[in-house]
Amino acid sequence: MFLQNVKITNFKNIENAELIFSEKLNCFTGNNGSGKTNLLDALHYLSFTKSYFNTSDSLSVKHNETFFVIQGEFIRNEKTENIYCAYEKDKKKTVKRNDKIYKRFSEHIGLLPIVTVSPSDAILVTGTGEERRKYIDSVISQYDKEYLYELIKYNKILSQRNRLLKNYLTSRYFDADTISVYNEQLSKSGLKIHKKRKSFITDLIPIFNEYYETVSGKNETVSIEYVSHLNENNFLELLHQTIEKDKISGYTGKGIHRDDLALNINNFQLKKAGSQGQQKTFLIALKFSQFQFIKNVSKVNPLLLLDDIFDKFDAQRVSEIIKLTNNNFGQIFLTDTNPERVKKILTGKNQNFKLFHTENGSFSEIY
């Protein structure tokens, strides 16, 4: 799969842009704030119908404008896919595939897989379990529609159960029959989600270990562990056992909505023991293994978006990353503030590439 061209109007600081891409490597250089990352975010929007940074649609509209439009023409399995995303303030956004409007945006997820590597990914290490759950959900949802639908269902039931618990705090009336129904529904969806998450992590780990060894030079021992209340407990029984605590707190304390990933280096928490370079290597290996996993499952080459990833890396690790992108991936979009570093990346490549300069939301092709 690859993206042939894109047209962008009023998305963040990009007023108007029409770009035709190489099927292999596309590099964008320019100062911070010039629009490089916004371009990658627009490509992510075409795949997920939302910003990579969870920016609201209203905040993604260019200042002093009322709407944005992003259009992309993809080639997937030798067929053209025209994707149109538009948002106008105070109106519903529109997403079309080949001129047909989606009734539910979730129907679009997975059609055009994309893997993004960004400095903002550091939150996977430094942030809460919620960030790591979002990561798991975003990956599995790209190749498993049933998972996405079960996740939506689970979150809806969880919200309803929590609402009942909060009402108890104020009214002191406990609706045991309705809670029992919610417990059954949560347990059913939760077990399906847990099974798929556990299978995903189990399959991802060996791919991740291989990538990490390659990028790091085999100097460290790393591990990923799936942490869940359901690993050793029956979910339905757990909900019954903890109901008194839930009534006191006003929310559901146990379940797959509290799942997490333990990220370790040399048998210590990566968050505490890993240097910035080690954390970044860990994240890149995690994203590269995600790419390979999606490719293996979906039989489609995702787009790879690399946003300013080379800072804080020594020359050896940069070299290994470049080798990997040369050999293992399809279409790549890469940004960097350092034009000389990009020239070195492009030197000697036996493949098609395009080089763009970015300034104030405008793009000029220079090679």
Protein backbone atom coordinates (compact mmCIF):
# COMPACT_ATOMS: atom_id res chain seq x y z
CA MET A 1 0.00 0.00 0.00
CA PHE A 2 1.15 3.55 -0.67
CA LEU A 3 -0.17 7.11 -0.78
CA GLN A 4 0.06 8.71 -4.22
CA ASN A 5 -0.93 12.26 -3.35
CA VAL A 6 -2.61 14.45 -0.78
CA LYS A 7 -4.49 17.74 -0.80
CA ILE A 8 -4.78 19.70 2.45
CA THR A 9 -6.76 22.88 3.16
CA ASN A 10 -6.73 24.80 6.46
CA PHE A 11 -5.40 21.94 8.59
CA LYS A 12 -3.48 23.45 11.51
CA ASN A 13 -0.87 25.80 9.96
CA ILE A 14 -1.24 24.34 6.44
CA GLU A 15 -3.39 26.68 4.36
CA ASN A 16 -3.11 24.88 1.03
CA ALA A 17 -0.87 22.00 0.03
CA GLU A 18 -0.94 19.58 -2.89
CA LEU A 19 1.83 16.98 -2.80
CA ILE A 20 2.70 14.00 -4.99
CA PHE A 21 4.77 11.38 -3.20
CA SER A 22 7.42 8.79 -3.94
CA GLU A 23 6.28 5.21 -3.44
CA LYS A 24 9.31 4.65 -1.19
CA LEU A 25 10.85 7.51 0.80
CA ASN A 26 9.59 11.06 1.36
CA CYS A 27 11.68 13.43 3.49
CA PHE A 28 10.64 16.80 4.89
CA THR A 29 13.13 19.28 6.34
CA GLY A 30 12.52 22.59 8.04
CA ASN A 31 12.61 24.35 11.38
CA ASN A 32 10.43 23.36 14.32
CA GLY A 33 6.94 24.73 13.84
CA SER A 34 7.25 24.90 10.05
CA GLY A 35 4.49 22.32 9.43
CA LYS A 36 6.36 19.02 9.03
CA THR A 37 4.59 17.31 11.91
CA ASN A 38 1.24 18.77 10.86
CA LEU A 39 1.63 17.12 7.46
CA LEU A 40 2.24 13.73 9.07
CA ASP A 41 -0.75 14.33 11.34
CA ALA A 42 -2.91 14.97 8.27
CA LEU A 43 -1.82 11.60 6.85
CA HIS A 44 -2.65 9.96 10.17
CA TYR A 45 -6.08 11.62 10.03
CA LEU A 46 -6.76 9.94 6.67
CA SER A 47 -6.22 6.56 8.33
CA PHE A 48 -7.81 7.04 11.77
CA THR A 49 -10.24 9.94 11.12
CA LYS A 50 -8.59 11.83 13.98
CA SER A 51 -5.37 13.55 14.97
CA TYR A 52 -2.44 11.47 16.25
CA PHE A 53 -2.13 13.90 19.15
CA ASN A 54 -5.84 13.64 20.09
CA THR A 55 -6.25 17.28 19.13
CA SER A 56 -9.94 18.12 18.81
CA ASP A 57 -11.19 18.78 15.30
CA SER A 58 -12.07 22.37 16.19
CA LEU A 59 -8.48 23.03 17.30
CA SER A 60 -7.13 21.47 14.11
CA VAL A 61 -8.72 24.18 11.97
CA LYS A 62 -6.27 26.86 10.82
CA HIS A 63 -6.48 30.07 12.81
CA ASN A 64 -9.19 32.47 11.54
CA GLU A 65 -10.74 29.75 9.34
CA THR A 66 -13.91 27.70 9.88
CA PHE A 67 -13.13 24.35 8.24
CA PHE A 68 -10.44 21.96 7.07
CA VAL A 69 -10.30 19.35 4.32
CA ILE A 70 -7.84 16.48 3.82
CA GLN A 71 -7.95 14.33 0.69
CA GLY A 72 -5.68 11.40 -0.13
CA GLU A 73 -5.37 8.94 -3.00
CA PHE A 74 -4.05 5.55 -1.92
CA ILE A 75 -3.17 2.42 -3.86
CA ARG A 76 -4.12 -0.66 -1.86
CA ASN A 77 -3.99 -4.15 -3.36
CA GLU A 78 -3.71 -2.53 -6.81
CA LYS A 79 -6.97 -0.62 -6.28
CA THR A 80 -7.35 3.15 -5.85
CA GLU A 81 -8.85 4.35 -2.58
CA ASN A 82 -9.89 8.01 -2.49
CA ILE A 83 -10.34 9.22 1.08
CA TYR A 84 -11.96 12.53 1.95
CA CYS A 85 -12.07 13.98 5.48
CA ALA A 86 -13.71 17.32 6.19
CA TYR A 87 -14.68 19.24 9.28
CA GLU A 88 -16.60 22.52 9.62
CA LYS A 89 -17.11 24.23 12.95
CA ASP A 90 -20.51 23.61 14.55
CA LYS A 91 -21.21 20.79 12.08
CA LYS A 92 -20.52 17.06 11.96
CA LYS A 93 -17.34 16.00 10.22
CA THR A 94 -17.55 13.96 7.04
CA VAL A 95 -15.43 10.98 6.01
CA LYS A 96 -15.83 9.46 2.55
CA ARG A 97 -14.31 6.45 0.84
CA ASN A 98 -14.56 6.68 -2.93
CA ASP A 99 -17.34 9.30 -2.60
CA LYS A 100 -19.38 7.10 -0.24
CA ILE A 101 -20.00 8.61 3.22
CA TYR A 102 -19.26 6.45 6.23
CA LYS A 103 -22.16 6.09 8.67
CA ARG A 104 -19.71 5.09 11.42
CA PHE A 105 -16.08 6.21 11.43
CA SER A 106 -15.10 2.90 13.05
CA GLU A 107 -15.88 1.20 9.72
CA HIS A 108 -12.86 2.99 8.22
CA ILE A 109 -10.30 1.93 10.84
CA GLY A 110 -7.91 -0.69 9.50
CA LEU A 111 -8.44 -0.02 5.80
CA LEU A 112 -5.27 2.07 5.55
CA PRO A 113 -2.89 1.04 8.35
CA ILE A 114 -0.33 3.59 9.49
CA VAL A 115 2.42 3.38 12.11
CA THR A 116 3.69 6.66 13.53
CA VAL A 117 6.92 7.17 15.48
CA SER A 118 6.99 10.55 17.21
CA PRO A 119 8.68 12.31 20.16
CA SER A 120 5.23 12.37 21.75
CA ASP A 121 5.46 8.57 22.07
CA ALA A 122 7.58 9.14 25.17
CA ILE A 123 4.29 9.23 27.06
CA LEU A 124 4.09 5.45 26.59
CA VAL A 125 7.05 5.25 28.99
CA THR A 126 6.40 8.22 31.27
CA GLY A 127 2.60 8.28 31.23
CA THR A 128 -0.13 6.27 32.92
CA GLY A 129 -1.52 2.86 32.05
CA GLU A 130 -4.26 4.61 30.08
CA GLU A 131 -1.68 5.69 27.47
CA ARG A 132 -0.39 2.15 27.07
CA ARG A 133 -3.92 0.75 26.80
CA LYS A 134 -4.63 3.28 24.05
CA TYR A 135 -1.54 2.00 22.26
CA ILE A 136 -2.70 -1.63 22.50
CA ASP A 137 -6.21 -0.69 21.35
CA SER A 138 -4.97 1.38 18.39
CA VAL A 139 -2.87 -1.52 17.09
CA ILE A 140 -5.41 -4.32 17.45
CA SER A 141 -8.22 -2.15 16.07
CA GLN A 142 -6.33 -1.78 12.80
CA TYR A 143 -6.65 -5.46 11.96
CA ASP A 144 -9.55 -6.75 14.12
CA LYS A 145 -12.98 -5.14 13.64
CA GLU A 146 -14.60 -7.37 16.26
CA TYR A 147 -12.12 -6.12 18.85
CA LEU A 148 -12.98 -2.50 18.14
CA TYR A 149 -16.71 -3.16 18.39
CA GLU A 150 -16.28 -5.08 21.68
CA LEU A 151 -14.15 -2.26 23.06
CA ILE A 152 -16.80 0.33 22.18
CA LYS A 153 -19.46 -1.90 23.78
CA TYR A 154 -17.36 -2.48 26.92
CA ASN A 155 -16.70 1.23 27.45
CA LYS A 156 -20.40 2.02 27.05
CA ILE A 157 -21.41 -0.61 29.63
CA LEU A 158 -18.63 0.52 31.97
CA SER A 159 -19.89 4.10 31.77
CA GLN A 160 -23.44 2.95 32.60
CA ARG A 161 -22.24 0.85 35.56
CA ASN A 162 -20.17 3.74 36.90
CA ARG A 163 -23.15 6.05 36.60
CA LEU A 164 -25.20 3.72 38.79
CA LEU A 165 -22.40 3.57 41.35
CA LYS A 166 -22.14 7.36 41.46
CA ASN A 167 -25.90 7.65 41.87
CA TYR A 168 -25.65 5.37 44.89
CA LEU A 169 -23.27 7.84 46.54
CA THR A 170 -25.92 10.55 46.41
CA SER A 171 -29.21 8.64 46.64
CA ARG A 172 -28.03 5.67 48.77
CA TYR A 173 -30.25 3.47 46.57
CA PHE A 174 -28.42 0.45 45.18
CA ASP A 175 -29.91 -1.13 42.04
CA ALA A 176 -28.51 -4.64 42.50
CA ASP A 177 -30.46 -6.19 39.60
CA THR A 178 -29.17 -3.69 37.04
CA ILE A 179 -25.64 -3.95 38.39
CA SER A 180 -25.88 -7.73 37.97
CA VAL A 181 -26.86 -7.29 34.32
CA TYR A 182 -23.96 -4.91 33.75
CA ASN A 183 -21.59 -7.38 35.43
CA GLU A 184 -22.62 -10.11 33.01
CA GLN A 185 -22.23 -7.82 30.00
CA LEU A 186 -18.87 -6.44 31.17
CA SER A 187 -17.56 -9.92 31.84
CA LYS A 188 -18.56 -11.19 28.41
CA SER A 189 -16.95 -8.31 26.48
CA GLY A 190 -14.00 -8.03 28.86
CA LEU A 191 -13.02 -11.67 28.43
CA LYS A 192 -12.98 -11.29 24.64
CA ILE A 193 -10.86 -8.13 24.86
CA HIS A 194 -8.45 -9.68 27.36
CA LYS A 195 -7.95 -12.75 25.18
CA LYS A 196 -7.13 -10.66 22.12
CA ARG A 197 -4.80 -8.33 24.05
CA LYS A 198 -2.93 -11.26 25.58
CA SER A 199 -2.56 -12.95 22.19
CA PHE A 200 -1.32 -9.70 20.61
CA ILE A 201 1.34 -9.08 23.26
CA THR A 202 2.49 -12.71 23.17
CA ASP A 203 2.97 -12.53 19.39
CA LEU A 204 4.53 -9.06 19.48
CA ILE A 205 7.25 -9.78 22.07
CA PRO A 206 9.59 -11.93 19.92
CA ILE A 207 9.35 -9.43 17.04
CA PHE A 208 10.07 -6.58 19.46
CA ASN A 209 13.08 -8.36 20.97
CA GLU A 210 14.60 -8.88 17.54
CA TYR A 211 14.20 -5.22 16.56
CA TYR A 212 15.55 -3.99 19.86
CA GLU A 213 18.67 -6.16 19.60
CA THR A 214 19.30 -4.82 16.10
CA VAL A 215 18.89 -1.13 16.97
CA SER A 216 20.67 -1.25 20.34
CA GLY A 217 23.57 -3.47 19.33
CA LYS A 218 22.48 -6.17 21.83
CA ASN A 219 23.80 -4.21 24.80
CA GLU A 220 20.70 -4.37 27.01
CA THR A 221 18.05 -6.81 28.20
CA VAL A 222 14.49 -5.61 27.73
CA SER A 223 11.05 -7.04 28.36
CA ILE A 224 7.35 -6.30 27.91
CA GLU A 225 4.75 -7.80 30.25
CA TYR A 226 0.98 -7.65 29.93
CA VAL A 227 -0.51 -6.71 33.30
CA SER A 228 -4.21 -7.44 33.83
CA HIS A 229 -6.62 -8.28 36.65
CA LEU A 230 -7.93 -11.03 34.38
CA ASN A 231 -4.59 -12.84 34.06
CA GLU A 232 -5.34 -14.81 37.23
CA ASN A 233 -8.97 -13.98 38.06
CA ASN A 234 -12.45 -14.78 36.80
CA PHE A 235 -13.83 -11.40 35.75
CA LEU A 236 -17.43 -11.99 36.78
CA GLU A 237 -16.39 -13.25 40.20
CA LEU A 238 -14.03 -10.31 40.58
CA LEU A 239 -16.85 -7.83 39.91
CA HIS A 240 -18.99 -9.50 42.58
CA GLN A 241 -16.13 -9.59 45.10
CA THR A 242 -15.29 -5.90 44.74
CA ILE A 243 -18.80 -4.45 44.64
CA GLU A 244 -18.61 -2.98 48.16
CA LYS A 245 -15.39 -1.11 47.29
CA ASP A 246 -16.98 0.07 44.04
CA LYS A 247 -19.99 1.44 45.96
CA ILE A 248 -17.69 3.42 48.22
CA SER A 249 -15.49 4.79 45.42
CA GLY A 250 -18.28 5.36 42.91
CA TYR A 251 -16.53 3.60 40.01
CA THR A 252 -15.54 0.13 38.78
CA GLY A 253 -12.11 -0.62 40.24
CA LYS A 254 -11.33 -3.93 38.52
CA GLY A 255 -11.38 -4.92 34.87
CA ILE A 256 -9.61 -4.69 31.54
CA HIS A 257 -10.01 -0.89 31.69
CA ARG A 258 -7.14 -1.02 34.21
CA ASP A 259 -4.80 -3.15 32.05
CA ASP A 260 -1.22 -2.00 31.59
CA LEU A 261 2.13 -2.90 30.05
CA ALA A 262 5.23 -3.28 32.22
CA LEU A 263 8.20 -1.97 30.20
CA ASN A 264 11.57 -3.04 31.64
CA ILE A 265 15.26 -2.71 30.86
CA ASN A 266 17.93 -4.77 32.62
CA ASN A 267 15.20 -5.97 35.04
CA PHE A 268 14.26 -2.43 36.10
CA GLN A 269 11.42 -0.12 35.05
CA LEU A 270 12.33 1.59 31.81
CA LYS A 271 10.76 4.79 33.16
CA LYS A 272 13.21 4.90 36.08
CA ALA A 273 16.33 3.09 34.85
CA GLY A 274 16.45 3.87 31.13
CA SER A 275 18.37 6.80 29.65
CA GLN A 276 16.68 9.02 27.07
CA GLY A 277 18.50 7.15 24.32
CA GLN A 278 17.46 3.76 25.72
CA GLN A 279 13.85 4.86 26.11
CA LYS A 280 13.80 6.14 22.56
CA THR A 281 15.36 2.91 21.26
CA PHE A 282 12.73 0.93 23.16
CA LEU A 283 9.91 2.98 21.63
CA ILE A 284 11.28 2.73 18.09
CA ALA A 285 11.68 -1.04 18.44
CA LEU A 286 8.12 -1.20 19.78
CA LYS A 287 6.75 0.76 16.81
CA PHE A 288 8.81 -1.17 14.25
CA SER A 289 7.58 -4.45 15.71
CA GLN A 290 4.03 -3.05 15.55
CA PHE A 291 4.59 -2.36 11.84
CA GLN A 292 5.83 -5.90 11.20
CA PHE A 293 2.99 -7.42 13.22
CA ILE A 294 0.28 -5.51 11.31
CA LYS A 295 1.95 -6.38 8.04
CA ASN A 296 2.01 -10.09 8.96
CA VAL A 297 -1.63 -10.13 10.04
CA SER A 298 -3.24 -7.88 7.42
CA LYS A 299 -0.94 -8.75 4.47
CA VAL A 300 -0.76 -5.00 3.80
CA ASN A 301 2.33 -2.80 4.14
CA PRO A 302 1.37 0.07 6.50
CA LEU A 303 2.70 3.56 5.90
CA LEU A 304 5.55 4.42 8.26
CA LEU A 305 5.66 8.00 9.60
CA LEU A 306 8.95 8.94 11.30
CA ASP A 307 8.71 12.33 12.97
CA ASP A 308 12.02 13.79 14.16
CA ILE A 309 13.28 10.49 15.57
CA PHE A 310 17.07 10.89 15.31
CA ASP A 311 17.73 13.38 18.11
CA LYS A 312 19.51 11.92 21.18
CA PHE A 313 20.79 8.92 19.20
CA ASP A 314 24.41 8.04 18.73
CA ALA A 315 25.72 7.40 15.22
CA GLN A 316 25.59 3.61 15.62
CA ARG A 317 21.89 3.54 16.48
CA VAL A 318 21.02 5.99 13.69
CA SER A 319 22.91 3.74 11.26
CA GLU A 320 20.97 0.65 12.38
CA ILE A 321 17.63 2.45 12.08
CA ILE A 322 18.49 3.58 8.55
CA LYS A 323 19.43 0.03 7.57
CA LEU A 324 16.12 -1.25 8.89
CA THR A 325 14.06 1.34 7.01
CA ASN A 326 16.00 0.55 3.83
CA ASN A 327 15.25 -3.15 3.95
CA ASN A 328 12.06 -3.83 5.88
CA PHE A 329 9.47 -1.19 5.10
CA GLY A 330 7.36 0.14 2.25
CA GLN A 331 6.46 3.82 1.90
CA ILE A 332 8.11 6.05 4.49
CA PHE A 333 7.52 9.68 5.48
CA LEU A 334 10.39 11.17 7.47
CA THR A 335 10.87 14.61 9.03
CA ASP A 336 14.05 16.19 10.38
CA THR A 337 15.24 19.66 11.29
CA ASN A 338 18.75 18.81 10.07
CA PRO A 339 19.03 18.92 6.24
CA GLU A 340 22.59 17.56 6.30
CA ARG A 341 21.51 14.50 8.26
CA VAL A 342 18.73 13.87 5.73
CA LYS A 343 21.22 14.14 2.85
CA LYS A 344 23.37 11.48 4.50
CA ILE A 345 20.31 9.26 4.87
CA LEU A 346 19.54 9.64 1.18
CA THR A 347 23.12 9.18 -0.01
CA GLY A 348 23.62 5.89 -1.81
CA LYS A 349 19.97 4.83 -1.69
CA ASN A 350 18.99 2.63 -4.60
CA GLN A 351 15.34 3.58 -4.39
CA ASN A 352 12.98 6.39 -5.29
CA PHE A 353 12.80 9.31 -2.89
CA LYS A 354 11.55 12.87 -2.72
CA LEU A 355 12.90 15.68 -0.58
CA PHE A 356 10.71 18.61 0.47
CA HIS A 357 11.52 21.86 2.28
CA THR A 358 8.87 23.05 4.75
CA GLU A 359 8.31 26.65 5.83
CA ASN A 360 5.26 28.31 7.43
CA GLY A 361 2.96 25.48 6.38
CA SER A 362 4.14 25.51 2.76
CA PHE A 363 6.03 22.73 0.99
CA SER A 364 8.46 22.94 -1.90
CA GLU A 365 9.92 19.88 -3.60
CA ILE A 366 13.71 20.33 -3.87
CA TYR A 367 14.66 16.89 -5.16
